[in-house]
C-alpha atoms as a PDB file:
ATOM      1  CA  MET A   1      20.230 -15.766 -29.107  1.00  0.00           C
ATOM      2  CA  SER A   2      21.750 -16.221 -25.691  1.00  0.00           C
ATOM      3  CA  ILE A   3      24.538 -15.524 -23.576  1.00  0.00           C
ATOM      4  CA  SER A   4      27.038 -18.783 -22.911  1.00  0.00           C
ATOM      5  CA  TRP A   5      29.218 -18.550 -20.151  1.00  0.00           C
ATOM      6  CA  VAL A   6      31.343 -22.042 -19.056  1.00  0.00           C
ATOM      7  CA  MET A   7      31.883 -21.888 -15.564  1.00  0.00           C
ATOM      8  CA  THR A   8      34.242 -23.855 -13.740  1.00  0.00           C
ATOM      9  CA  SER A   9      33.779 -25.643 -10.224  1.00  0.00           C
ATOM     10  CA  GLU A  10      36.138 -22.390  -8.995  1.00  0.00           C
ATOM     11  CA  ASP A  11      33.905 -20.291 -10.554  1.00  0.00           C
ATOM     12  CA  VAL A  12      30.569 -21.822  -8.230  1.00  0.00           C
ATOM     13  CA  ALA A  13      32.187 -21.896  -5.361  1.00  0.00           C
ATOM     14  CA  ARG A  14      32.657 -18.208  -6.327  1.00  0.00           C
ATOM     15  CA  ILE A  15      28.873 -17.277  -6.491  1.00  0.00           C
ATOM     16  CA  ARG A  16      27.757 -14.640  -4.505  1.00  0.00           C
ATOM     17  CA  PHE A  17      24.671 -12.858  -3.669  1.00  0.00           C
ATOM     18  CA  ALA A  18      24.325  -9.150  -2.971  1.00  0.00           C
ATOM     19  CA  PHE A  19      21.918  -6.172  -2.906  1.00  0.00           C
ATOM     20  CA  SER A  20      21.924  -3.176  -4.392  1.00  0.00           C
ATOM     21  CA  PRO A  21      20.390   0.438  -3.689  1.00  0.00           C
ATOM     22  CA  VAL A  22      22.069   1.972  -6.873  1.00  0.00           C
ATOM     23  CA  TRP A  23      20.439  -1.088  -9.077  1.00  0.00           C
ATOM     24  CA  GLU A  24      17.232  -0.638  -7.421  1.00  0.00           C
ATOM     25  CA  LEU A  25      17.089   3.115  -8.312  1.00  0.00           C
ATOM     26  CA  VAL A  26      17.848   2.852 -11.643  1.00  0.00           C
ATOM     27  CA  ALA A  27      15.670   0.100 -12.563  1.00  0.00           C
ATOM     28  CA  SER A  28      12.519   2.373 -10.881  1.00  0.00           C
ATOM     29  CA  LEU A  29      13.400   4.744 -13.530  1.00  0.00           C
ATOM     30  CA  ARG A  30      11.708   2.204 -15.775  1.00  0.00           C
ATOM     31  CA  THR A  31       8.682   2.227 -13.969  1.00  0.00           C
ATOM     32  CA  LEU A  32       8.289   5.871 -13.828  1.00  0.00           C
ATOM     33  CA  GLN A  33       8.665   6.238 -17.266  1.00  0.00           C
ATOM     34  CA  GLY A  34       5.936   3.337 -18.240  1.00  0.00           C
ATOM     35  CA  PRO A  35       3.847   2.300 -14.995  1.00  0.00           C
ATOM     36  CA  ALA A  36       2.160  -0.112 -16.730  1.00  0.00           C
ATOM     37  CA  ARG A  37       5.283  -2.030 -17.194  1.00  0.00           C
ATOM     38  CA  GLN A  38       5.043  -3.276 -13.314  1.00  0.00           C
ATOM     39  CA  SER A  39       1.339  -2.270 -12.253  1.00  0.00           C
ATOM     40  CA  ILE A  40       2.658  -3.957  -9.043  1.00  0.00           C
ATOM     41  CA  HIS A  41       4.519  -0.800  -7.715  1.00  0.00           C
ATOM     42  CA  LEU A  42       1.466   1.277  -8.583  1.00  0.00           C
ATOM     43  CA  PRO A  43       1.281   2.191  -4.790  1.00  0.00           C
ATOM     44  CA  TRP A  44       4.687   3.326  -4.886  1.00  0.00           C
ATOM     45  CA  LEU A  45       4.759   6.087  -8.021  1.00  0.00           C
ATOM     46  CA  LYS A  46       1.382   7.183  -6.350  1.00  0.00           C
ATOM     47  CA  ALA A  47       3.041   7.847  -3.721  1.00  0.00           C
ATOM     48  CA  VAL A  48       6.280   9.562  -4.834  1.00  0.00           C
ATOM     49  CA  ARG A  49       4.966  11.035  -7.963  1.00  0.00           C
ATOM     50  CA  PRO A  50       3.746  14.629  -6.555  1.00  0.00           C
ATOM     51  CA  ARG A  51       7.873  14.726  -5.589  1.00  0.00           C
ATOM     52  CA  LEU A  52       8.973  14.122  -8.879  1.00  0.00           C
ATOM     53  CA  ALA A  53       8.248  18.277 -10.146  1.00  0.00           C
ATOM     54  CA  GLY A  54      11.790  19.693  -9.062  1.00  0.00           C
ATOM     55  CA  LEU A  55      13.719  16.979 -10.875  1.00  0.00           C
ATOM     56  CA  ASP A  56      15.364  17.001 -14.415  1.00  0.00           C
ATOM     57  CA  PHE A  57      15.342  13.436 -15.314  1.00  0.00           C
ATOM     58  CA  ALA A  58      15.852  14.011 -18.966  1.00  0.00           C
ATOM     59  CA  GLU A  59      19.897  12.719 -19.442  1.00  0.00           C
ATOM     60  CA  LEU A  60      18.462  10.002 -17.073  1.00  0.00           C
ATOM     61  CA  PHE A  61      15.773   8.659 -18.789  1.00  0.00           C
ATOM     62  CA  ALA A  62      18.333   9.100 -22.062  1.00  0.00           C
ATOM     63  CA  LEU A  63      20.760   6.603 -20.462  1.00  0.00           C
ATOM     64  CA  VAL A  64      17.714   4.375 -18.808  1.00  0.00           C
ATOM     65  CA  PRO A  65      15.428   3.983 -21.482  1.00  0.00           C
ATOM     66  CA  PRO A  66      11.732   2.170 -21.187  1.00  0.00           C
ATOM     67  CA  SER A  67      13.512  -1.124 -23.325  1.00  0.00           C
ATOM     68  CA  GLY A  68      16.764  -1.817 -24.447  1.00  0.00           C
ATOM     69  CA  TYR A  69      20.070  -1.362 -22.998  1.00  0.00           C
ATOM     70  CA  ILE A  70      21.087   0.910 -20.526  1.00  0.00           C
ATOM     71  CA  ALA A  71      24.402   2.253 -19.514  1.00  0.00           C
ATOM     72  CA  ASP A  72      26.207  -0.130 -17.105  1.00  0.00           C
ATOM     73  CA  PHE A  73      28.418   2.854 -15.429  1.00  0.00           C
ATOM     74  CA  VAL A  74      24.859   3.914 -13.499  1.00  0.00           C
ATOM     75  CA  THR A  75      24.316   0.323 -12.221  1.00  0.00           C
ATOM     76  CA  PRO A  76      27.763  -0.401 -10.905  1.00  0.00           C
ATOM     77  CA  PRO A  77      28.079  -4.563  -9.553  1.00  0.00           C
ATOM     78  CA  PRO A  78      28.100  -3.962  -5.802  1.00  0.00           C
ATOM     79  CA  ASP A  79      31.515  -5.252  -4.461  1.00  0.00           C
ATOM     80  CA  THR A  80      29.907  -5.708  -1.182  1.00  0.00           C
ATOM     81  CA  PRO A  81      27.070  -7.902   0.068  1.00  0.00           C
ATOM     82  CA  MET A  82      24.791  -5.205   0.974  1.00  0.00           C
ATOM     83  CA  PRO A  83      26.592  -2.149  -0.182  1.00  0.00           C
ATOM     84  CA  GLU A  84      25.510   1.378   1.459  1.00  0.00           C
ATOM     85  CA  PHE A  85      23.885   3.796  -1.219  1.00  0.00           C
ATOM     86  CA  ALA A  86      26.557   6.426  -0.863  1.00  0.00           C
ATOM     87  CA  ALA A  87      29.372   4.313  -1.654  1.00  0.00           C
ATOM     88  CA  GLU A  88      27.607   3.171  -4.887  1.00  0.00           C
ATOM     89  CA  LEU A  89      26.623   6.734  -5.797  1.00  0.00           C
ATOM     90  CA  ASP A  90      30.376   7.247  -5.133  1.00  0.00           C
ATOM     91  CA  GLN A  91      31.373   4.092  -8.205  1.00  0.00           C
ATOM     92  CA  VAL A  92      29.245   5.903  -9.969  1.00  0.00           C
ATOM     93  CA  ARG A  93      30.698   9.759 -10.035  1.00  0.00           C
ATOM     94  CA  ARG A  94      34.160   8.209 -10.658  1.00  0.00           C
ATOM     95  CA  THR A  95      33.660   6.486 -13.838  1.00  0.00           C
ATOM     96  CA  PRO A  96      35.982   7.559 -15.780  1.00  0.00           C
ATOM     97  CA  PRO A  97      34.680  10.173 -18.900  1.00  0.00           C
ATOM     98  CA  GLU A  98      35.776   8.094 -21.955  1.00  0.00           C
ATOM     99  CA  GLN A  99      33.621   4.707 -20.109  1.00  0.00           C
ATOM    100  CA  ALA A 100      30.971   7.115 -19.781  1.00  0.00           C
ATOM    101  CA  ARG A 101      30.868   8.529 -23.199  1.00  0.00           C
ATOM    102  CA  ALA A 102      31.745   4.880 -25.006  1.00  0.00           C
ATOM    103  CA  GLU A 103      28.540   3.595 -22.744  1.00  0.00           C
ATOM    104  CA  ALA A 104      26.175   6.294 -23.575  1.00  0.00           C
ATOM    105  CA  ALA A 105      26.575   5.678 -27.282  1.00  0.00           C
ATOM    106  CA  LYS A 106      25.466   2.331 -27.566  1.00  0.00           C
ATOM    107  CA  VAL A 107      22.462   3.480 -25.475  1.00  0.00           C
ATOM    108  CA  ARG A 108      19.448   3.860 -28.304  1.00  0.00           C
ATOM    109  CA  GLY A 109      17.041   6.481 -26.423  1.00  0.00           C
ATOM    110  CA  ALA A 110      14.250   8.624 -27.279  1.00  0.00           C
ATOM    111  CA  ASP A 111      16.136  11.867 -26.661  1.00  0.00           C
ATOM    112  CA  PRO A 112      19.007  12.355 -28.826  1.00  0.00           C
ATOM    113  CA  ALA A 113      19.523  15.959 -27.690  1.00  0.00           C
ATOM    114  CA  ALA A 114      19.539  14.791 -24.128  1.00  0.00           C
ATOM    115  CA  LEU A 115      22.055  11.975 -24.922  1.00  0.00           C
ATOM    116  CA  ALA A 116      24.211  14.131 -26.852  1.00  0.00           C
ATOM    117  CA  ARG A 117      24.828  16.785 -24.680  1.00  0.00           C
ATOM    118  CA  PHE A 118      25.963  13.896 -22.058  1.00  0.00           C
ATOM    119  CA  THR A 119      28.589  13.026 -24.697  1.00  0.00           C
ATOM    120  CA  ALA A 120      29.694  16.519 -25.483  1.00  0.00           C
ATOM    121  CA  ASP A 121      31.371  16.954 -21.819  1.00  0.00           C
ATOM    122  CA  PRO A 122      31.173  12.957 -20.434  1.00  0.00           C
ATOM    123  CA  GLU A 123      32.809  14.387 -17.464  1.00  0.00           C
ATOM    124  CA  ALA A 124      30.229  17.020 -16.575  1.00  0.00           C
ATOM    125  CA  GLY A 125      27.270  14.540 -17.417  1.00  0.00           C
ATOM    126  CA  VAL A 126      28.183  12.138 -15.007  1.00  0.00           C
ATOM    127  CA  ALA A 127      28.392  14.323 -12.246  1.00  0.00           C
ATOM    128  CA  ARG A 128      24.515  15.725 -13.193  1.00  0.00           C
ATOM    129  CA  VAL A 129      23.649  12.652 -13.363  1.00  0.00           C
ATOM    130  CA  ALA A 130      24.740  11.389  -9.881  1.00  0.00           C
ATOM    131  CA  ASP A 131      23.084  14.444  -8.487  1.00  0.00           C
ATOM    132  CA  THR A 132      20.123  13.799  -9.980  1.00  0.00           C
ATOM    133  CA  LEU A 133      20.335   9.707  -8.622  1.00  0.00           C
ATOM    134  CA  GLU A 134      21.227  11.507  -5.543  1.00  0.00           C
ATOM    135  CA  ALA A 135      18.516  13.784  -5.596  1.00  0.00           C
ATOM    136  CA  TYR A 136      15.308  11.250  -6.570  1.00  0.00           C
ATOM    137  CA  TRP A 137      17.073   8.728  -3.780  1.00  0.00           C
ATOM    138  CA  HIS A 138      16.294  11.220  -1.082  1.00  0.00           C
ATOM    139  CA  GLY A 139      13.021  12.327  -2.337  1.00  0.00           C
ATOM    140  CA  CYS A 140      11.461   9.064  -3.573  1.00  0.00           C
ATOM    141  CA  PHE A 141      13.376   6.130  -2.591  1.00  0.00           C
ATOM    142  CA  ALA A 142      15.265   6.071   0.600  1.00  0.00           C
ATOM    143  CA  GLU A 143      11.770   5.871   3.216  1.00  0.00           C
ATOM    144  CA  PHE A 144      11.097   3.160   1.226  1.00  0.00           C
ATOM    145  CA  TRP A 145      14.330   1.020   0.503  1.00  0.00           C
ATOM    146  CA  PRO A 146      13.686  -0.416   4.403  1.00  0.00           C
ATOM    147  CA  ARG A 147      10.710  -2.470   2.791  1.00  0.00           C
ATOM    148  CA  VAL A 148      12.407  -3.446  -0.207  1.00  0.00           C
ATOM    149  CA  TYR A 149      15.586  -4.309   1.208  1.00  0.00           C
ATOM    150  CA  GLY A 150      13.662  -6.851   3.634  1.00  0.00           C
ATOM    151  CA  LEU A 151      11.922  -8.060   0.483  1.00  0.00           C
ATOM    152  CA  LEU A 152      15.470  -8.926  -1.275  1.00  0.00           C
ATOM    153  CA  GLU A 153      17.249 -10.271   1.952  1.00  0.00           C
ATOM    154  CA  ARG A 154      14.137 -12.740   2.101  1.00  0.00           C
ATOM    155  CA  ASP A 155      14.638 -14.097  -1.082  1.00  0.00           C
ATOM    156  CA  VAL A 156      18.816 -14.064  -0.628  1.00  0.00           C
ATOM    157  CA  LEU A 157      17.950 -16.288   2.510  1.00  0.00           C
ATOM    158  CA  ARG A 158      16.007 -18.569   0.152  1.00  0.00           C
ATOM    159  CA  ARG A 159      18.501 -18.769  -2.885  1.00  0.00           C
ATOM    160  CA  SER A 160      21.554 -19.280  -0.163  1.00  0.00           C
ATOM    161  CA  ARG A 161      19.810 -22.581   1.376  1.00  0.00           C
ATOM    162  CA  GLN A 162      19.107 -23.959  -1.935  1.00  0.00           C
ATOM    163  CA  LEU A 163      22.689 -23.376  -2.773  1.00  0.00           C
ATOM    164  CA  ALA A 164      23.577 -25.049   0.151  1.00  0.00           C
ATOM    165  CA  GLN A 165      21.455 -27.843  -0.214  1.00  0.00           C
ATOM    166  CA  GLY A 166      21.157 -28.445  -3.844  1.00  0.00           C
ATOM    167  CA  GLY A 167      24.255 -26.954  -5.386  1.00  0.00           C
ATOM    168  CA  ALA A 168      23.992 -25.268  -8.518  1.00  0.00           C
ATOM    169  CA  ARG A 169      21.511 -27.085 -10.642  1.00  0.00           C
ATOM    170  CA  GLU A 170      18.743 -26.285  -7.763  1.00  0.00           C
ATOM    171  CA  LEU A 171      19.808 -22.926  -7.606  1.00  0.00           C
ATOM    172  CA  PHE A 172      19.492 -22.124 -11.636  1.00  0.00           C
ATOM    173  CA  ALA A 173      16.649 -24.001 -11.655  1.00  0.00           C
ATOM    174  CA  GLY A 174      14.562 -21.986  -9.636  1.00  0.00           C
ATOM    175  CA  LEU A 175      15.984 -18.799 -10.683  1.00  0.00           C
ATOM    176  CA  ASP A 176      14.534 -17.916 -14.016  1.00  0.00           C
ATOM    177  CA  PRO A 177      13.135 -19.266 -16.901  1.00  0.00           C
ATOM    178  CA  ALA A 178      15.660 -16.975 -19.056  1.00  0.00           C
ATOM    179  CA  VAL A 179      18.488 -18.977 -16.976  1.00  0.00           C
ATOM    180  CA  VAL A 180      19.381 -22.782 -17.688  1.00  0.00           C
ATOM    181  CA  TRP A 181      22.295 -24.379 -16.169  1.00  0.00           C
ATOM    182  CA  THR A 182      23.783 -27.872 -17.930  1.00  0.00           C
ATOM    183  CA  GLY A 183      26.468 -28.311 -15.498  1.00  0.00           C
ATOM    184  CA  GLU A 184      29.326 -26.631 -17.467  1.00  0.00           C
ATOM    185  CA  ARG A 185      27.799 -23.891 -18.709  1.00  0.00           C
ATOM    186  CA  LEU A 186      25.199 -21.012 -17.801  1.00  0.00           C
ATOM    187  CA  LEU A 187      23.065 -20.300 -20.134  1.00  0.00           C
ATOM    188  CA  ILE A 188      21.027 -16.817 -20.412  1.00  0.00           C
ATOM    189  CA  ASP A 189      18.305 -16.107 -23.160  1.00  0.00           C
ATOM    190  CA  ARG A 190      18.769 -12.404 -24.011  1.00  0.00           C
ATOM    191  CA  PRO A 191      18.690 -10.207 -27.092  1.00  0.00           C
ATOM    192  CA  TRP A 192      22.374 -10.241 -27.353  1.00  0.00           C
ATOM    193  CA  CYS A 193      24.914 -13.133 -27.739  1.00  0.00           C
ATOM    194  CA  GLU A 194      28.029 -13.603 -26.027  1.00  0.00           C
ATOM    195  CA  ALA A 195      30.359 -16.872 -25.363  1.00  0.00           C
ATOM    196  CA  GLY A 196      33.101 -17.675 -22.899  1.00  0.00           C
ATOM    197  CA  GLY A 197      33.750 -17.703 -19.388  1.00  0.00           C
ATOM    198  CA  LEU A 198      33.575 -15.434 -16.250  1.00  0.00           C
ATOM    199  CA  HIS A 199      36.409 -13.300 -15.693  1.00  0.00           C
ATOM    200  CA  GLY A 200      38.330 -15.127 -12.577  1.00  0.00           C
ATOM    201  CA  ASP A 201      36.407 -12.900 -10.323  1.00  0.00           C
ATOM    202  CA  GLY A 202      33.172 -14.973  -9.465  1.00  0.00           C
ATOM    203  CA  LEU A 203      29.162 -14.067 -10.483  1.00  0.00           C
ATOM    204  CA  VAL A 204      27.267 -11.718  -8.522  1.00  0.00           C
ATOM    205  CA  LEU A 205      23.783 -12.613  -8.494  1.00  0.00           C
ATOM    206  CA  VAL A 206      21.706  -9.801  -7.514  1.00  0.00           C
ATOM    207  CA  PRO A 207      17.780  -9.621  -6.465  1.00  0.00           C
ATOM    208  CA  SER A 208      15.896  -6.824  -7.759  1.00  0.00           C
ATOM    209  CA  ALA A 209      12.131  -5.785  -6.453  1.00  0.00           C
ATOM    210  CA  PHE A 210      12.021  -3.160  -9.661  1.00  0.00           C
ATOM    211  CA  TRP A 211      13.646  -4.905 -12.515  1.00  0.00           C
ATOM    212  CA  GLY A 212      11.585  -7.505 -14.536  1.00  0.00           C
ATOM    213  CA  PRO A 213       9.964  -9.866 -16.061  1.00  0.00           C
ATOM    214  CA  THR A 214      13.233 -11.074 -16.970  1.00  0.00           C
ATOM    215  CA  VAL A 215      17.236 -11.156 -16.144  1.00  0.00           C
ATOM    216  CA  ALA A 216      19.745  -8.333 -16.514  1.00  0.00           C
ATOM    217  CA  VAL A 217      23.322  -9.387 -17.253  1.00  0.00           C
ATOM    218  CA  MET A 218      26.621  -7.225 -16.991  1.00  0.00           C
ATOM    219  CA  THR A 219      29.720  -8.486 -18.184  1.00  0.00           C
ATOM    220  CA  ALA A 220      33.520  -7.203 -19.041  1.00  0.00           C
ATOM    221  CA  PRO A 221      34.664  -4.961 -18.156  1.00  0.00           C
ATOM    222  CA  TYR A 222      32.400  -5.167 -15.087  1.00  0.00           C
ATOM    223  CA  GLN A 223      32.408  -8.102 -12.761  1.00  0.00           C
ATOM    224  CA  SER A 224      30.197 -11.112 -14.468  1.00  0.00           C
ATOM    225  CA  THR A 225      26.537 -10.174 -12.703  1.00  0.00           C
ATOM    226  CA  LEU A 226      23.076 -11.729 -13.155  1.00  0.00           C
ATOM    227  CA  VAL A 227      20.202  -9.788 -11.868  1.00  0.00           C
ATOM    228  CA  TYR A 228      16.644 -11.191 -11.776  1.00  0.00           C
ATOM    229  CA  PRO A 229      13.235 -10.557 -10.495  1.00  0.00           C
ATOM    230  CA  VAL A 230      13.105 -10.960  -6.638  1.00  0.00           C
ATOM    231  CA  LEU A 231      10.336 -13.590  -5.363  1.00  0.00           C
ATOM    232  CA  GLY A 232       7.263 -11.917  -3.654  1.00  0.00           C
ATOM    233  CA  VAL A 233       7.408  -8.928  -4.897  1.00  0.00           C
ATOM    234  CA  GLY A 234       3.581  -9.238  -4.896  1.00  0.00           C
ATOM    235  CA  THR A 235       3.498  -8.264  -1.275  1.00  0.00           C
ATOM    236  CA  LEU A 236       5.920  -5.656  -1.413  1.00  0.00           C
ATOM    237  CA  TRP A 237       3.421  -2.523  -0.582  1.00  0.00           C
ATOM    238  CA  GLU A 238       1.269  -4.813   1.023  1.00  0.00           C
ATOM    239  CA  GLN A 239       0.197  -2.404   4.447  1.00  0.00           C
ATOM    240  CA  GLY A 240       1.469  -3.916   7.894  1.00  0.00           C
ATOM    241  CA  PRO A 241       2.459  -7.165   9.131  1.00  0.00           C
ATOM    242  CA  PRO A 242       0.747 -10.727   8.109  1.00  0.00           C
ATOM    243  CA  PRO A 243      -2.538 -10.914  10.369  1.00  0.00           C
ATOM    244  CA  ALA A 244      -2.278 -13.369  13.180  1.00  0.00           C
ATOM    245  CA  PRO A 245      -5.313 -15.461  13.669  1.00  0.00           C
ATOM    246  CA  GLY A 246      -7.121 -15.060  16.979  1.00  0.00           C
ATOM    247  CA  ALA A 247      -6.073 -18.114  18.627  1.00  0.00           C
ATOM    248  CA  LEU A 248      -2.381 -17.517  18.405  1.00  0.00           C
ATOM    249  CA  ALA A 249      -2.462 -14.080  19.194  1.00  0.00           C
ATOM    250  CA  LYS A 250      -4.320 -14.899  22.540  1.00  0.00           C
ATOM    251  CA  LEU A 251      -1.843 -17.690  23.349  1.00  0.00           C
ATOM    252  CA  ILE A 252       1.221 -15.844  22.180  1.00  0.00           C
ATOM    253  CA  GLY A 253       0.193 -12.374  22.089  1.00  0.00           C
ATOM    254  CA  ARG A 254      -0.396 -10.607  19.056  1.00  0.00           C
ATOM    255  CA  SER A 255       2.984  -9.194  17.682  1.00  0.00           C
ATOM    256  CA  ARG A 256       4.864 -12.178  18.630  1.00  0.00           C
ATOM    257  CA  ALA A 257       1.777 -14.306  17.148  1.00  0.00           C
ATOM    258  CA  GLN A 258       2.898 -11.749  13.655  1.00  0.00           C
ATOM    259  CA  ILE A 259       6.493 -12.137  13.703  1.00  0.00           C
ATOM    260  CA  LEU A 260       6.266 -15.883  13.872  1.00  0.00           C
ATOM    261  CA  LEU A 261       3.767 -16.064  10.995  1.00  0.00           C
ATOM    262  CA  ALA A 262       6.623 -13.189   8.975  1.00  0.00           C
ATOM    263  CA  LEU A 263       9.208 -16.145   9.770  1.00  0.00           C
ATOM    264  CA  ALA A 264       7.863 -18.406   7.431  1.00  0.00           C
ATOM    265  CA  GLU A 265      10.937 -16.979   5.433  1.00  0.00           C
ATOM    266  CA  PRO A 266      14.107 -16.311   7.589  1.00  0.00           C
ATOM    267  CA  ALA A 267      14.731 -12.745   8.323  1.00  0.00           C
ATOM    268  CA  THR A 268      17.336 -10.339  10.692  1.00  0.00           C
ATOM    269  CA  THR A 269      16.087  -8.502  13.367  1.00  0.00           C
ATOM    270  CA  SER A 270      15.717  -5.147  11.811  1.00  0.00           C
ATOM    271  CA  ALA A 271      13.952  -6.455   8.795  1.00  0.00           C
ATOM    272  CA  LEU A 272      10.988  -7.800  10.884  1.00  0.00           C
ATOM    273  CA  ALA A 273      11.009  -4.362  12.984  1.00  0.00           C
ATOM    274  CA  GLY A 274      10.307  -2.501   9.196  1.00  0.00           C
ATOM    275  CA  ARG A 275       7.470  -4.934   8.685  1.00  0.00           C
ATOM    276  CA  MET A 276       5.845  -4.987  11.811  1.00  0.00           C
ATOM    277  CA  ALA A 277       6.092  -1.600  11.985  1.00  0.00           C
ATOM    278  CA  LEU A 278       8.132  -1.830  15.720  1.00  0.00           C
ATOM    279  CA  THR A 279      11.301  -1.103  17.014  1.00  0.00           C
ATOM    280  CA  PRO A 280      14.614  -3.311  16.406  1.00  0.00           C
ATOM    281  CA  GLY A 281      14.583  -3.774  20.737  1.00  0.00           C
ATOM    282  CA  ALA A 282      10.626  -4.650  20.998  1.00  0.00           C
ATOM    283  CA  VAL A 283      11.202  -7.341  18.204  1.00  0.00           C
ATOM    284  CA  SER A 284      14.881  -8.479  19.321  1.00  0.00           C
ATOM    285  CA  GLN A 285      12.502  -9.117  23.040  1.00  0.00           C
ATOM    286  CA  HIS A 286       9.605 -10.612  21.266  1.00  0.00           C
ATOM    287  CA  LEU A 287      12.571 -13.255  19.553  1.00  0.00           C
ATOM    288  CA  SER A 288      13.807 -14.002  23.015  1.00  0.00           C
ATOM    289  CA  VAL A 289      10.738 -15.366  23.873  1.00  0.00           C
ATOM    290  CA  LEU A 290       9.717 -16.811  21.113  1.00  0.00           C
ATOM    291  CA  SER A 291      13.396 -18.709  21.118  1.00  0.00           C
ATOM    292  CA  GLY A 292      13.076 -19.596  24.908  1.00  0.00           C
ATOM    293  CA  GLY A 293      10.072 -20.977  24.219  1.00  0.00           C
ATOM    294  CA  GLY A 294      11.809 -23.150  21.247  1.00  0.00           C
ATOM    295  CA  LEU A 295       9.831 -21.747  18.420  1.00  0.00           C
ATOM    296  CA  THR A 296      12.248 -19.768  16.362  1.00  0.00           C
ATOM    297  CA  VAL A 297      15.866 -19.802  16.723  1.00  0.00           C
ATOM    298  CA  GLY A 298      19.173 -17.489  15.664  1.00  0.00           C
ATOM    299  CA  MET A 299      21.515 -18.506  13.126  1.00  0.00           C
ATOM    300  CA  ARG A 300      24.531 -16.406  12.253  1.00  0.00           C
ATOM    301  CA  VAL A 301      25.298 -15.033   8.583  1.00  0.00           C
ATOM    302  CA  GLY A 302      28.096 -13.238   8.155  1.00  0.00           C
ATOM    303  CA  LYS A 303      27.450 -10.448  10.896  1.00  0.00           C
ATOM    304  CA  GLN A 304      24.385 -10.414  10.736  1.00  0.00           C
ATOM    305  CA  VAL A 305      21.890 -12.705  13.164  1.00  0.00           C
ATOM    306  CA  VAL A 306      19.200 -14.656  10.995  1.00  0.00           C
ATOM    307  CA  TYR A 307      16.016 -15.740  12.564  1.00  0.00           C
ATOM    308  CA  ARG A 308      13.903 -18.975  11.217  1.00  0.00           C
ATOM    309  CA  ARG A 309      11.311 -20.540  12.910  1.00  0.00           C
ATOM    310  CA  THR A 310      11.644 -24.275  14.300  1.00  0.00           C
ATOM    311  CA  PRO A 311       9.357 -27.380  13.591  1.00  0.00           C
ATOM    312  CA  ALA A 312       7.917 -26.845  16.813  1.00  0.00           C
ATOM    313  CA  GLY A 313       7.370 -22.873  15.427  1.00  0.00           C
ATOM    314  CA  ASP A 314       5.978 -24.279  12.134  1.00  0.00           C
ATOM    315  CA  THR A 315       3.259 -26.085  13.785  1.00  0.00           C
ATOM    316  CA  LEU A 316       2.219 -23.581  15.539  1.00  0.00           C
ATOM    317  CA  ALA A 317       2.193 -21.330  12.744  1.00  0.00           C
ATOM    318  CA  GLY A 318       0.148 -24.092  10.937  1.00  0.00           C
ATOM    319  CA  ALA A 319       2.680 -24.109   8.184  1.00  0.00           C
ATOM    320  CA  PRO A 320       2.476 -27.533   6.247  1.00  0.00           C
END
């Protein structure tokens, strides 16, 4: 079974990427329920497990079971490229009760009593679920979000270059084995069927560190959204910046050498700061020196400046 979406040239032109802190938070609930599912996240799980005791996950786990359909209202498609958690949570809180009840009725969870409690009064249920998500975010996820964000940011920059250089064919060819682009249709291998076109509002591509091993899809009445596993997730919980070779560190300084190596993928100052355990101001100063030496260059992407290595920087870093 598969989803088959007709995509016109206008649909392709309206492809956009977006991050979603709420999506990551909800996807991590499956890691809590089945740690073996994504053992790569065991360092995070070990860190947060002691903090879970005071949280009641019964309704959330009922709406987000270990497998199968998740109630869509807890993961609204991001309406901006970089939404704030508070804004996305507000979307969850504003879910119409009847919509929440209808979606909850489609979930095949392992806790019928929790689902029954939710559907008996979906307005109160949505409020309880949102409160639990908020407490879970602040207690177990917010401090790790900059690290996750940096990984998602690098993936989006890589995919955006693919789309700009090779068009939709190159983008979808490397996205996930479950996704096939025919030139007219986007075929997505999922356990349910749908055929038709998009809904005139484009396609949102959302990278995820906690979702996997395959893709997820949202469709009408929501904006068409494809969530895919991010590349490089194996590096997510590595401690500290990449090691700098001694000779390179002696030549340009250890911090600048580490930044240069970290720019194997383009990144913003804030993302580099999180990975380097340096202040954004310190990273900015190092980048200024590296750019002045012709080793890096900044390019504006929307409201942010993204830095990448120049060919000279690649050579010095030992890149092929």
